[in-house]
Amino acid sequence: MKLDTRIDAFSKLGLLLQKYIDSPNTDSNFSQKLTNVIRKAELQNAWFTPIHVKNAISAWADALKKEKLTNWLSTYSHSNDNPQRTAVIMAGNIPLVGFHDFLSVLIIGDYFVGKLSSNDNLLLPFLAEELIDIEPKFSNRIEFTKDRLPQFDKVIATGSNNTARYFEYYFKDKPHIIRKNRNSVAVLEGNESKEQLKALGEDIFQYFGLGCRNVSKLFVPKGYDFDAFFEAMYAYRDVINHHKYANNYDYNKAVYLMSSVKLLDNAFLLLKEDLNFSSPIGTLFYEYYSDEEQLKSRLNQEQEHIQCIVGTHKFCEVDYGKAQHPTLTDYADGVDTIEFLIS
């Protein structure tokens, strides 16, 4: 199967997804099936609300445009005359979190062997079936397993810091990418507009903050006044109506109060001064800075814990509101997946 054929198939899948986003209530067979899968996904995992699943689908509908796929792959020079079997062990923290690996493996011509998370094992197999309907030549190139991985040549595995140690040992004899826990941060300067802070709220609350690209920590200048920040966050107050989020918020608040931890609280988000990066659900860590060069040095030292840096400062990588809208070249942990696959 030629590269053009693979690109064409994925772009047609993107068109189907875009039509669904534009008109989800149509009577088309695809629309009805996808709506049912989204309902089942929420029943299986309450974090996967329809609006969040549709946000993920919308992002991929945009990314799978033919010109974007072509431009993405045009920077690589390869001819895959000997396709290999690439195993992908996926996380399940946000909807379709493993789709980029699925796309990368198949688009360069390898065989995909996927081990899904129990938290997200419905959406990707459905899209894989639709891709096969579009291009039947993919039928013998896609395999999902619930058990031990079958034969494979290389592996991409995503998990916690603890499981990463297991992966490192288990896959030490295979070419591999092992991904660990990472979080994203935002750098505020104190002069942000209401619109910028509101956009930052999307980076914080999208997918309930469960993604590695969600902002889990703020760096703010010494003496920063949080009033404007909390005013902008008010637009996201309905998040507390989700029972799992509310339970986490209440639990973490109780733990902090029993430990006499100083908190800032707006009744749906806790702000805690903390040097760590990975804040619990319903909580956002913050840290003061007084010197930009020291802040830059600290962020450089902590690179292995940071997925992306949000803000408008010169060393920030992502603008407000764009953290959960990565492009095809925004590789997880900064490791070029395509380069790994074709090397």
Protein backbone atom coordinates (compact mmCIF):
# COMPACT_ATOMS: atom_id res chain seq x y z
CA MET A 1 0.00 0.00 0.00
CA LYS A 2 1.48 3.32 -1.09
CA LEU A 3 1.83 6.34 1.17
CA ASP A 4 -0.68 8.32 -0.89
CA THR A 5 -3.24 5.57 -0.34
CA ARG A 6 -2.70 5.62 3.41
CA ILE A 7 -2.95 9.41 3.56
CA ASP A 8 -6.11 9.36 1.47
CA ALA A 9 -7.75 6.78 3.76
CA PHE A 10 -7.02 8.74 6.95
CA SER A 11 -8.16 12.00 5.35
CA LYS A 12 -11.47 10.34 4.41
CA LEU A 13 -11.83 9.21 8.03
CA GLY A 14 -11.24 12.82 9.06
CA LEU A 15 -14.01 13.97 6.73
CA LEU A 16 -16.43 11.50 8.34
CA LEU A 17 -15.50 12.80 11.79
CA GLN A 18 -15.93 16.41 10.68
CA LYS A 19 -19.38 15.67 9.24
CA TYR A 20 -20.34 14.13 12.56
CA ILE A 21 -19.15 17.18 14.51
CA ASP A 22 -21.03 19.51 12.14
CA SER A 23 -24.24 17.44 12.15
CA PRO A 24 -24.22 14.80 14.91
CA ASN A 25 -27.95 14.13 14.71
CA THR A 26 -28.11 13.03 11.08
CA ASP A 27 -29.55 9.63 10.24
CA SER A 28 -26.39 8.38 8.58
CA ASN A 29 -25.18 4.93 9.60
CA PHE A 30 -21.79 6.30 10.70
CA SER A 31 -23.37 9.03 12.83
CA GLN A 32 -25.70 6.61 14.60
CA LYS A 33 -22.91 4.12 15.29
CA LEU A 34 -20.53 6.78 16.61
CA THR A 35 -23.24 8.26 18.85
CA ASN A 36 -23.83 4.79 20.34
CA VAL A 37 -20.12 4.25 20.91
CA ILE A 38 -19.84 7.63 22.66
CA ARG A 39 -22.74 6.68 24.95
CA LYS A 40 -21.14 3.33 25.77
CA ALA A 41 -17.80 5.02 26.42
CA GLU A 42 -19.37 7.29 29.04
CA LEU A 43 -21.14 4.36 30.70
CA GLN A 44 -17.82 2.55 30.89
CA ASN A 45 -15.81 5.56 32.03
CA ALA A 46 -17.70 8.49 33.56
CA TRP A 47 -14.80 10.88 32.83
CA PHE A 48 -15.54 10.46 29.11
CA THR A 49 -18.48 12.83 28.87
CA PRO A 50 -19.96 13.29 25.37
CA ILE A 51 -18.71 16.87 25.16
CA HIS A 52 -15.13 15.83 25.95
CA VAL A 53 -15.23 12.89 23.54
CA LYS A 54 -16.54 15.20 20.84
CA ASN A 55 -13.73 17.67 21.61
CA ALA A 56 -11.23 14.90 20.95
CA ILE A 57 -13.04 13.86 17.76
CA SER A 58 -13.13 17.47 16.56
CA ALA A 59 -9.40 17.86 17.14
CA TRP A 60 -8.65 14.76 15.07
CA ALA A 61 -11.11 15.74 12.35
CA ASP A 62 -9.04 18.90 11.91
CA ALA A 63 -5.67 17.13 12.12
CA LEU A 64 -6.59 14.50 9.52
CA LYS A 65 -7.01 16.99 6.71
CA LYS A 66 -5.15 15.75 3.66
CA GLU A 67 -2.89 18.78 3.34
CA LYS A 68 -1.89 18.56 7.01
CA LEU A 69 -1.04 14.87 6.74
CA THR A 70 0.94 15.47 3.56
CA ASN A 71 2.88 18.41 5.01
CA TRP A 72 3.59 16.47 8.21
CA LEU A 73 5.12 13.52 6.38
CA SER A 74 6.91 15.55 3.71
CA THR A 75 9.76 16.33 6.13
CA TYR A 76 10.65 12.64 6.46
CA SER A 77 12.51 10.65 3.84
CA HIS A 78 11.79 6.94 3.89
CA SER A 79 10.57 4.01 1.85
CA ASN A 80 9.05 1.28 3.99
CA ASP A 81 9.82 -1.79 1.90
CA ASN A 82 10.04 -3.98 4.99
CA PRO A 83 7.12 -3.10 7.31
CA GLN A 84 7.50 -4.21 10.89
CA ARG A 85 5.09 -5.01 13.70
CA THR A 86 4.87 -2.13 16.19
CA ALA A 87 3.21 -2.80 19.51
CA VAL A 88 1.51 0.15 21.21
CA ILE A 89 0.52 0.01 24.88
CA MET A 90 -1.90 2.86 25.39
CA ALA A 91 -2.98 5.04 28.28
CA GLY A 92 -6.65 5.78 28.90
CA ASN A 93 -6.63 9.08 30.74
CA ILE A 94 -8.43 11.10 28.02
CA PRO A 95 -10.49 10.06 24.97
CA LEU A 96 -8.46 8.77 22.00
CA VAL A 97 -5.18 9.57 23.74
CA GLY A 98 -3.48 6.81 21.72
CA PHE A 99 -4.74 7.88 18.30
CA HIS A 100 -1.51 9.69 17.36
CA ASP A 101 0.49 6.48 17.85
CA PHE A 102 -2.15 4.51 15.92
CA LEU A 103 -1.93 7.01 13.07
CA SER A 104 1.88 7.17 13.11
CA VAL A 105 2.37 3.41 12.94
CA LEU A 106 -0.08 2.88 10.10
CA ILE A 107 0.75 5.99 8.09
CA ILE A 108 4.41 4.96 7.71
CA GLY A 109 3.35 1.48 6.61
CA ASP A 110 3.98 -0.64 9.73
CA TYR A 111 1.64 -3.21 11.26
CA PHE A 112 -0.18 -1.94 14.35
CA VAL A 113 -0.55 -4.18 17.41
CA GLY A 114 -2.52 -2.31 20.08
CA LYS A 115 -3.07 -3.06 23.75
CA LEU A 116 -5.82 -0.74 24.95
CA SER A 117 -6.44 0.66 28.39
CA SER A 118 -9.61 -0.65 30.02
CA ASN A 119 -10.60 3.01 30.47
CA ASP A 120 -10.64 3.67 26.72
CA ASN A 121 -11.21 0.51 24.70
CA LEU A 122 -14.22 1.42 22.57
CA LEU A 123 -13.47 4.55 20.57
CA LEU A 124 -10.26 3.54 18.80
CA PRO A 125 -11.44 0.07 17.70
CA PHE A 126 -14.56 1.71 16.25
CA LEU A 127 -12.46 4.19 14.24
CA ALA A 128 -10.17 1.35 13.16
CA GLU A 129 -13.18 -0.51 11.75
CA GLU A 130 -14.27 2.59 9.86
CA LEU A 131 -10.74 3.02 8.49
CA ILE A 132 -10.81 -0.57 7.23
CA ASP A 133 -14.19 0.08 5.57
CA ILE A 134 -12.60 3.05 3.80
CA GLU A 135 -9.45 1.13 2.82
CA PRO A 136 -9.74 -2.68 3.18
CA LYS A 137 -5.96 -3.09 2.76
CA PHE A 138 -5.65 -2.03 6.40
CA SER A 139 -7.56 -5.13 7.53
CA ASN A 140 -4.43 -7.26 8.01
CA ARG A 141 -2.40 -4.37 9.45
CA ILE A 142 -4.48 -3.64 12.56
CA GLU A 143 -4.70 -5.93 15.57
CA PHE A 144 -5.96 -5.31 19.10
CA THR A 145 -5.23 -7.61 22.01
CA LYS A 146 -6.46 -7.81 25.60
CA ASP A 147 -3.88 -10.40 26.61
CA ARG A 148 -0.13 -10.84 26.26
CA LEU A 149 1.31 -9.02 23.28
CA PRO A 150 1.83 -11.24 20.23
CA GLN A 151 5.05 -11.10 18.25
CA PHE A 152 6.34 -7.56 17.63
CA ASP A 153 9.52 -5.81 16.48
CA LYS A 154 9.36 -2.53 18.39
CA VAL A 155 7.13 -0.97 21.03
CA ILE A 156 5.65 2.32 22.21
CA ALA A 157 4.42 2.12 25.80
CA THR A 158 2.72 4.81 27.88
CA GLY A 159 2.09 4.55 31.60
CA SER A 160 2.87 5.87 35.05
CA ASN A 161 6.37 6.34 36.40
CA ASN A 162 6.01 2.99 38.19
CA THR A 163 4.87 1.05 35.13
CA ALA A 164 7.60 2.75 33.07
CA ARG A 165 10.23 0.99 35.17
CA TYR A 166 8.55 -2.31 34.36
CA PHE A 167 8.36 -1.40 30.68
CA GLU A 168 12.05 -0.44 30.62
CA TYR A 169 13.00 -3.87 31.95
CA TYR A 170 10.50 -5.91 29.95
CA PHE A 171 11.25 -4.23 26.61
CA LYS A 172 15.00 -3.70 27.11
CA ASP A 173 15.83 -5.92 24.13
CA LYS A 174 13.44 -4.20 21.72
CA PRO A 175 13.60 -0.72 20.13
CA HIS A 176 11.19 1.27 22.28
CA ILE A 177 9.68 4.55 23.37
CA ILE A 178 8.68 4.52 27.04
CA ARG A 179 6.55 7.45 28.20
CA LYS A 180 6.15 8.42 31.87
CA ASN A 181 4.05 10.88 33.85
CA ARG A 182 4.26 14.45 32.63
CA ASN A 183 2.29 17.61 33.34
CA SER A 184 2.00 21.01 31.74
CA VAL A 185 2.54 24.39 33.35
CA ALA A 186 1.56 27.99 32.64
CA VAL A 187 3.70 31.06 33.21
CA LEU A 188 1.75 34.21 34.11
CA GLU A 189 3.26 37.68 34.06
CA GLY A 190 0.44 39.50 35.88
CA ASN A 191 -0.78 41.57 32.92
CA GLU A 192 -2.91 38.92 31.19
CA SER A 193 -6.24 40.01 29.75
CA LYS A 194 -9.54 38.47 30.85
CA GLU A 195 -9.72 36.68 27.48
CA GLN A 196 -6.26 35.16 27.96
CA LEU A 197 -7.09 33.95 31.46
CA LYS A 198 -10.38 32.51 30.29
CA ALA A 199 -8.53 30.64 27.53
CA LEU A 200 -6.13 29.35 30.18
CA GLY A 201 -9.19 27.88 31.90
CA GLU A 202 -9.65 25.55 28.94
CA ASP A 203 -6.07 24.36 29.37
CA ILE A 204 -6.86 23.62 33.02
CA PHE A 205 -10.37 22.13 32.84
CA GLN A 206 -10.49 20.40 29.45
CA TYR A 207 -10.86 16.64 30.07
CA PHE A 208 -11.17 17.53 33.80
CA GLY A 209 -7.42 18.16 33.86
CA LEU A 210 -6.58 14.48 33.30
CA GLY A 211 -4.33 14.94 30.25
CA CYS A 212 -0.57 15.38 30.28
CA ARG A 213 -1.08 18.58 28.26
CA ASN A 214 -3.49 19.99 30.84
CA VAL A 215 -2.04 22.77 32.97
CA SER A 216 -1.58 21.45 36.50
CA LYS A 217 0.65 24.23 37.83
CA LEU A 218 1.00 28.02 37.55
CA PHE A 219 4.17 30.04 37.87
CA VAL A 220 3.17 33.54 38.98
CA PRO A 221 5.21 36.67 39.79
CA LYS A 222 5.86 37.49 43.42
CA GLY A 223 2.86 39.31 44.90
CA TYR A 224 0.47 38.12 42.15
CA ASP A 225 -3.19 38.98 42.78
CA PHE A 226 -5.38 35.95 42.00
CA ASP A 227 -8.65 37.94 41.84
CA ALA A 228 -8.55 38.36 38.05
CA PHE A 229 -7.62 34.70 37.64
CA PHE A 230 -10.56 33.48 39.74
CA GLU A 231 -12.92 35.86 37.97
CA ALA A 232 -11.95 34.35 34.61
CA MET A 233 -12.21 30.77 35.96
CA TYR A 234 -15.86 31.38 36.94
CA ALA A 235 -16.83 30.50 33.35
CA TYR A 236 -15.91 26.87 34.15
CA ARG A 237 -17.92 26.59 37.39
CA ASP A 238 -20.20 23.89 35.98
CA VAL A 239 -17.33 21.41 36.24
CA ILE A 240 -18.33 20.87 39.87
CA ASN A 241 -21.63 19.38 38.68
CA HIS A 242 -19.79 16.30 37.45
CA HIS A 243 -19.98 13.78 40.29
CA LYS A 244 -16.50 12.31 39.92
CA TYR A 245 -14.88 15.72 39.74
CA ALA A 246 -16.90 16.93 42.73
CA ASN A 247 -15.92 13.86 44.76
CA ASN A 248 -12.25 14.44 44.05
CA TYR A 249 -12.51 18.15 44.82
CA ASP A 250 -14.27 17.47 48.15
CA TYR A 251 -11.84 14.72 49.12
CA ASN A 252 -8.71 16.73 48.37
CA LYS A 253 -10.11 19.78 50.13
CA ALA A 254 -10.85 17.73 53.24
CA VAL A 255 -7.35 16.21 53.26
CA TYR A 256 -5.69 19.60 52.90
CA LEU A 257 -7.86 21.23 55.58
CA MET A 258 -7.19 18.41 58.05
CA SER A 259 -3.49 18.98 57.44
CA SER A 260 -3.92 22.76 57.94
CA VAL A 261 -2.68 23.44 54.41
CA LYS A 262 -3.22 27.00 53.25
CA LEU A 263 -5.54 27.07 50.23
CA LEU A 264 -7.17 29.49 47.82
CA ASP A 265 -10.66 28.22 46.99
CA ASN A 266 -13.46 29.34 44.68
CA ALA A 267 -15.81 26.41 45.45
CA PHE A 268 -14.76 24.35 42.41
CA LEU A 269 -10.98 24.76 42.19
CA LEU A 270 -8.34 24.65 44.92
CA LEU A 271 -5.09 26.59 44.54
CA LYS A 272 -2.19 25.30 46.62
CA GLU A 273 1.36 26.67 46.76
CA ASP A 274 3.53 23.67 45.99
CA LEU A 275 6.89 22.91 44.36
CA ASN A 276 5.57 19.74 42.68
CA PHE A 277 4.05 19.57 39.20
CA SER A 278 1.40 16.85 39.36
CA SER A 279 -1.61 18.29 41.17
CA PRO A 280 -4.64 16.13 42.08
CA ILE A 281 -8.01 16.55 40.36
CA GLY A 282 -9.78 19.73 41.43
CA THR A 283 -6.49 21.28 42.54
CA LEU A 284 -4.01 23.56 40.81
CA PHE A 285 -0.51 24.06 42.21
CA TYR A 286 1.21 27.42 41.99
CA GLU A 287 4.69 28.74 42.65
CA TYR A 288 5.99 32.29 42.85
CA TYR A 289 8.96 33.53 40.85
CA SER A 290 10.87 36.80 41.11
CA ASP A 291 13.59 36.38 38.50
CA GLU A 292 12.87 35.32 34.91
CA GLU A 293 16.29 33.80 34.36
CA GLN A 294 15.94 31.68 37.48
CA LEU A 295 12.51 30.59 36.33
CA LYS A 296 13.86 29.65 32.91
CA SER A 297 16.66 27.66 34.56
CA ARG A 298 14.17 25.85 36.81
CA LEU A 299 11.94 24.91 33.90
CA ASN A 300 14.97 23.61 31.98
CA GLN A 301 16.00 21.48 34.94
CA GLU A 302 12.51 20.01 35.19
CA GLN A 303 12.09 19.23 31.48
CA GLU A 304 11.52 15.52 32.08
CA HIS A 305 8.43 16.37 34.16
CA ILE A 306 6.94 18.96 31.79
CA GLN A 307 4.91 18.22 28.65
CA CYS A 308 4.45 21.82 27.51
CA ILE A 309 4.70 25.39 28.82
CA VAL A 310 1.69 27.64 28.27
CA GLY A 311 1.86 31.43 28.09
CA THR A 312 3.09 34.35 26.03
CA HIS A 313 6.53 34.68 27.60
CA LYS A 314 9.48 34.23 25.26
CA PHE A 315 10.30 30.73 26.58
CA CYS A 316 6.68 29.51 26.52
CA GLU A 317 5.74 27.03 23.80
CA VAL A 318 1.93 27.17 23.63
CA ASP A 319 -0.49 30.08 23.68
CA TYR A 320 -3.38 30.22 26.14
CA GLY A 321 -6.22 27.87 25.24
CA LYS A 322 -4.12 25.76 22.87
CA ALA A 323 -2.58 23.16 25.20
CA GLN A 324 -5.13 20.49 24.28
CA HIS A 325 -4.98 21.32 20.57
CA PRO A 326 -1.61 19.81 19.58
CA THR A 327 -0.51 19.62 15.97
CA LEU A 328 0.73 16.44 14.32
CA THR A 329 4.31 17.44 15.11
CA ASP A 330 3.67 17.97 18.83
CA TYR A 331 5.06 14.61 19.89
CA ALA A 332 4.47 13.32 23.42
CA ASP A 333 7.52 13.81 25.66
CA GLY A 334 9.25 15.54 22.75
CA VAL A 335 10.21 12.23 21.14
CA ASP A 336 9.66 12.16 17.36
CA THR A 337 7.47 9.09 16.89
CA ILE A 338 7.84 8.99 13.11
CA GLU A 339 11.62 9.26 13.30
CA PHE A 340 11.66 6.37 15.79
CA LEU A 341 9.46 4.22 13.56
CA ILE A 342 11.45 4.73 10.38
CA SER A 343 14.93 4.58 11.92
